[in-house]
N, C-alpha and C. Protein backbone atom coordinates (compact mmCIF):
# COMPACT_ATOMS: atom_id res chain seq x y z
N MET A 1 84.71 110.85 80.38
CA MET A 1 85.02 109.49 80.98
C MET A 1 86.56 109.48 81.39
N SER A 2 86.82 108.97 82.50
CA SER A 2 88.37 109.00 82.84
C SER A 2 89.11 108.06 82.00
N ALA A 3 90.37 108.23 81.93
CA ALA A 3 91.23 107.38 81.21
C ALA A 3 91.27 106.06 81.83
N THR A 4 91.16 105.88 83.15
CA THR A 4 91.13 104.64 83.80
C THR A 4 89.92 103.76 83.38
N ARG A 5 88.78 104.45 83.27
CA ARG A 5 87.55 103.75 82.89
C ARG A 5 87.58 103.29 81.43
N GLN A 6 88.16 104.15 80.60
CA GLN A 6 88.34 103.82 79.17
C GLN A 6 89.24 102.61 79.04
N ALA A 7 90.32 102.57 79.84
CA ALA A 7 91.25 101.47 79.76
C ALA A 7 90.56 100.20 80.25
N GLY A 8 89.74 100.26 81.25
CA GLY A 8 88.94 99.09 81.68
C GLY A 8 88.07 98.60 80.60
N GLY A 9 87.46 99.41 79.86
CA GLY A 9 86.67 99.04 78.74
C GLY A 9 87.41 98.33 77.71
N TYR A 10 88.56 98.88 77.39
CA TYR A 10 89.35 98.28 76.33
C TYR A 10 89.89 96.81 76.85
N LYS A 11 90.26 96.75 78.20
CA LYS A 11 90.76 95.49 78.65
C LYS A 11 89.65 94.51 78.62
N ALA A 12 88.36 94.93 78.89
CA ALA A 12 87.23 94.00 78.93
C ALA A 12 86.99 93.42 77.48
N ALA A 13 87.14 94.38 76.50
CA ALA A 13 87.02 93.91 75.15
C ALA A 13 88.07 92.90 74.75
N LEU A 14 89.19 93.06 75.15
CA LEU A 14 90.30 92.21 74.90
C LEU A 14 90.03 90.71 75.48
N ALA A 15 89.34 90.70 76.65
CA ALA A 15 89.05 89.41 77.30
C ALA A 15 87.75 88.84 76.86
N ASN A 16 86.97 89.52 76.13
CA ASN A 16 85.64 89.05 75.75
C ASN A 16 85.65 88.17 74.46
N PRO A 17 85.27 86.89 74.59
CA PRO A 17 85.29 86.02 73.50
C PRO A 17 84.35 86.43 72.32
N ASN A 18 83.41 87.24 72.63
CA ASN A 18 82.48 87.73 71.56
C ASN A 18 82.92 88.87 70.77
N VAL A 19 84.03 89.41 71.13
CA VAL A 19 84.59 90.64 70.38
C VAL A 19 85.42 90.00 69.19
N THR A 20 85.22 90.59 68.00
CA THR A 20 85.95 90.18 66.82
C THR A 20 87.44 90.47 66.94
N ALA A 21 88.23 89.72 66.14
CA ALA A 21 89.68 90.01 66.03
C ALA A 21 89.94 91.46 65.74
N GLU A 22 89.19 92.09 64.84
CA GLU A 22 89.37 93.46 64.46
C GLU A 22 89.14 94.36 65.75
N GLY A 23 87.99 93.97 66.42
CA GLY A 23 87.72 94.77 67.60
C GLY A 23 88.69 94.72 68.60
N LYS A 24 89.27 93.51 68.91
CA LYS A 24 90.33 93.36 69.86
C LYS A 24 91.55 94.13 69.44
N GLN A 25 91.86 94.15 68.21
CA GLN A 25 93.03 94.83 67.64
C GLN A 25 92.88 96.35 67.95
N ALA A 26 91.72 96.85 67.64
CA ALA A 26 91.46 98.33 67.89
C ALA A 26 91.55 98.63 69.33
N ALA A 27 90.94 97.71 70.16
CA ALA A 27 90.96 97.99 71.57
C ALA A 27 92.46 97.97 72.16
N ALA A 28 93.24 97.03 71.59
CA ALA A 28 94.63 96.93 72.04
C ALA A 28 95.39 98.19 71.66
N GLU A 29 95.13 98.76 70.40
CA GLU A 29 95.80 99.92 70.00
C GLU A 29 95.39 101.14 70.84
N LYS A 30 94.14 101.18 71.15
CA LYS A 30 93.69 102.39 71.99
C LYS A 30 94.22 102.34 73.35
N LEU A 31 94.24 101.08 73.98
CA LEU A 31 94.80 100.81 75.27
C LEU A 31 96.31 101.34 75.32
N HIS A 32 97.03 100.84 74.22
CA HIS A 32 98.42 101.15 74.12
C HIS A 32 98.60 102.76 74.04
N ASP A 33 97.75 103.35 73.25
CA ASP A 33 97.86 104.77 73.20
C ASP A 33 97.62 105.50 74.48
N LEU A 34 96.59 104.98 75.24
CA LEU A 34 96.37 105.59 76.60
C LEU A 34 97.56 105.42 77.48
N GLU A 35 98.21 104.27 77.42
CA GLU A 35 99.36 104.00 78.32
C GLU A 35 100.49 104.91 77.85
N ASP A 36 100.72 105.07 76.62
CA ASP A 36 101.80 105.88 76.08
C ASP A 36 101.62 107.38 76.43
N SER A 37 100.30 107.76 76.51
CA SER A 37 99.98 109.23 76.76
C SER A 37 100.34 109.62 78.24
N GLY A 38 100.52 108.55 79.08
CA GLY A 38 100.80 108.84 80.56
C GLY A 38 99.54 109.22 81.39
N GLU A 39 98.34 109.06 80.77
CA GLU A 39 97.14 109.33 81.45
C GLU A 39 96.86 108.16 82.48
N ILE A 40 97.36 106.94 82.16
CA ILE A 40 97.24 105.84 83.03
C ILE A 40 98.55 105.12 83.15
N GLU A 41 98.83 104.40 84.18
CA GLU A 41 99.99 103.64 84.25
C GLU A 41 99.85 102.40 83.40
N ALA A 42 100.92 101.83 82.96
CA ALA A 42 100.86 100.55 82.16
C ALA A 42 100.15 99.60 82.87
N ALA A 43 99.48 98.65 82.14
CA ALA A 43 98.67 97.65 82.69
C ALA A 43 99.36 96.82 83.66
N GLY A 44 98.66 96.62 84.88
CA GLY A 44 99.20 95.85 85.88
C GLY A 44 100.01 96.49 86.98
N HIS A 45 100.46 97.86 86.74
CA HIS A 45 101.27 98.47 87.79
C HIS A 45 100.50 99.26 88.70
N GLU A 46 99.20 99.40 88.60
CA GLU A 46 98.33 100.08 89.48
C GLU A 46 97.62 99.27 90.46
N LYS A 47 97.79 98.05 90.33
CA LYS A 47 96.91 97.04 91.12
C LYS A 47 97.46 97.01 92.64
N ASN A 48 96.47 96.86 93.50
CA ASN A 48 96.74 96.62 94.95
C ASN A 48 97.19 95.27 95.13
N GLU A 49 98.41 94.99 95.60
CA GLU A 49 99.00 93.65 95.77
C GLU A 49 98.17 92.74 96.63
N GLY A 50 97.61 93.24 97.67
CA GLY A 50 96.71 92.45 98.51
C GLY A 50 95.42 91.93 97.82
N ASN A 51 94.96 92.71 96.96
CA ASN A 51 93.73 92.33 96.22
C ASN A 51 94.11 91.26 95.10
N VAL A 52 95.31 91.51 94.52
CA VAL A 52 95.75 90.47 93.54
C VAL A 52 95.89 89.05 94.19
N ILE A 53 96.62 89.11 95.26
CA ILE A 53 96.84 87.85 96.08
C ILE A 53 95.45 87.23 96.48
N GLY A 54 94.62 88.05 97.07
CA GLY A 54 93.24 87.53 97.39
C GLY A 54 92.48 86.98 96.19
N GLY A 55 92.64 87.54 95.03
CA GLY A 55 91.91 87.01 93.84
C GLY A 55 92.51 85.66 93.50
N TYR A 56 93.87 85.50 93.58
CA TYR A 56 94.39 84.23 93.22
C TYR A 56 93.97 83.16 94.21
N LYS A 57 93.96 83.51 95.54
CA LYS A 57 93.45 82.59 96.58
C LYS A 57 91.99 82.14 96.33
N ALA A 58 91.21 83.14 95.93
CA ALA A 58 89.80 82.86 95.61
C ALA A 58 89.69 82.01 94.47
N THR A 59 90.46 82.08 93.47
CA THR A 59 90.53 81.19 92.36
C THR A 59 90.77 79.70 92.74
N LEU A 60 91.58 79.47 93.72
CA LEU A 60 91.79 78.14 94.19
C LEU A 60 90.54 77.49 94.80
N LYS A 61 89.70 78.34 95.37
CA LYS A 61 88.43 77.79 96.09
C LYS A 61 87.25 77.77 95.20
N ASN A 62 87.27 78.32 94.02
CA ASN A 62 86.10 78.40 93.11
C ASN A 62 85.90 77.15 92.34
N PRO A 63 84.84 76.46 92.53
CA PRO A 63 84.61 75.08 91.85
C PRO A 63 84.39 75.31 90.38
N ASN A 64 84.13 76.53 89.92
CA ASN A 64 83.80 76.86 88.46
C ASN A 64 85.16 77.22 87.73
N VAL A 65 86.30 77.21 88.31
CA VAL A 65 87.53 77.53 87.69
C VAL A 65 88.27 76.25 87.28
N SER A 66 88.79 76.30 86.10
CA SER A 66 89.48 75.17 85.49
C SER A 66 90.78 74.85 86.25
N GLU A 67 91.10 73.59 86.20
CA GLU A 67 92.38 73.14 86.83
C GLU A 67 93.54 73.85 86.33
N GLU A 68 93.57 74.19 85.10
CA GLU A 68 94.73 74.94 84.48
C GLU A 68 94.83 76.36 85.10
N ALA A 69 93.69 77.01 85.39
CA ALA A 69 93.66 78.33 85.99
C ALA A 69 94.17 78.24 87.48
N LYS A 70 93.69 77.18 88.09
CA LYS A 70 94.10 76.91 89.50
C LYS A 70 95.59 76.72 89.50
N GLU A 71 96.18 75.97 88.67
CA GLU A 71 97.52 75.74 88.56
C GLU A 71 98.33 76.99 88.38
N HIS A 72 97.82 77.84 87.52
CA HIS A 72 98.49 79.19 87.24
C HIS A 72 98.47 80.05 88.52
N ALA A 73 97.27 80.01 89.25
CA ALA A 73 97.21 80.73 90.48
C ALA A 73 98.21 80.21 91.55
N ILE A 74 98.41 78.92 91.62
CA ILE A 74 99.40 78.46 92.54
C ILE A 74 100.75 78.84 92.17
N GLU A 75 101.12 78.83 90.92
CA GLU A 75 102.46 79.39 90.43
C GLU A 75 102.73 80.66 90.86
N VAL A 76 101.69 81.57 90.61
CA VAL A 76 101.84 83.00 90.83
C VAL A 76 101.97 83.25 92.32
N LEU A 77 101.14 82.51 93.22
CA LEU A 77 101.28 82.80 94.65
C LEU A 77 102.63 82.28 95.09
N GLU A 78 103.05 81.14 94.66
CA GLU A 78 104.37 80.49 95.08
C GLU A 78 105.48 81.55 94.66
N GLU A 79 105.41 82.16 93.47
CA GLU A 79 106.45 83.12 93.06
C GLU A 79 106.51 84.33 93.97
N LYS A 80 105.33 84.69 94.59
CA LYS A 80 105.20 85.72 95.55
C LYS A 80 105.64 85.28 96.95
N GLY A 81 106.11 84.08 97.14
CA GLY A 81 106.46 83.63 98.42
C GLY A 81 105.37 83.15 99.37
N ILE A 82 104.31 82.95 98.82
CA ILE A 82 103.02 82.46 99.61
C ILE A 82 102.84 80.98 99.54
N GLU A 83 102.83 80.40 100.69
CA GLU A 83 102.65 78.91 100.71
C GLU A 83 101.20 78.52 100.29
N VAL A 84 101.12 77.55 99.46
CA VAL A 84 99.78 77.10 98.96
C VAL A 84 99.69 75.65 99.20
N GLU A 85 98.47 75.23 99.78
CA GLU A 85 98.31 73.80 99.97
C GLU A 85 97.65 73.23 98.76
N ARG A 86 98.38 72.29 98.09
CA ARG A 86 97.89 71.75 96.79
C ARG A 86 96.85 70.67 97.18
N GLN A 87 95.80 70.66 96.44
CA GLN A 87 94.71 69.70 96.66
C GLN A 87 94.80 68.49 95.93
């Protein structure tokens, strides 16, 4: 399995509310080890900026997303210099 796929699994475990605190700690340590090994770039540095922006824009239109998450998306987009129409 590639290091990138392993990292994705560890990141998913960190975001999963059903994973125990011990499991999240183990996933965080293994993710940190992968990043330190140089096999993958540190989290967030390999993302396609256009995809990230598109994801935040999609967040604003999704009726299942909390107002808090939408506000965060607006803040991120504005920090990137993208005009956002507040609803």
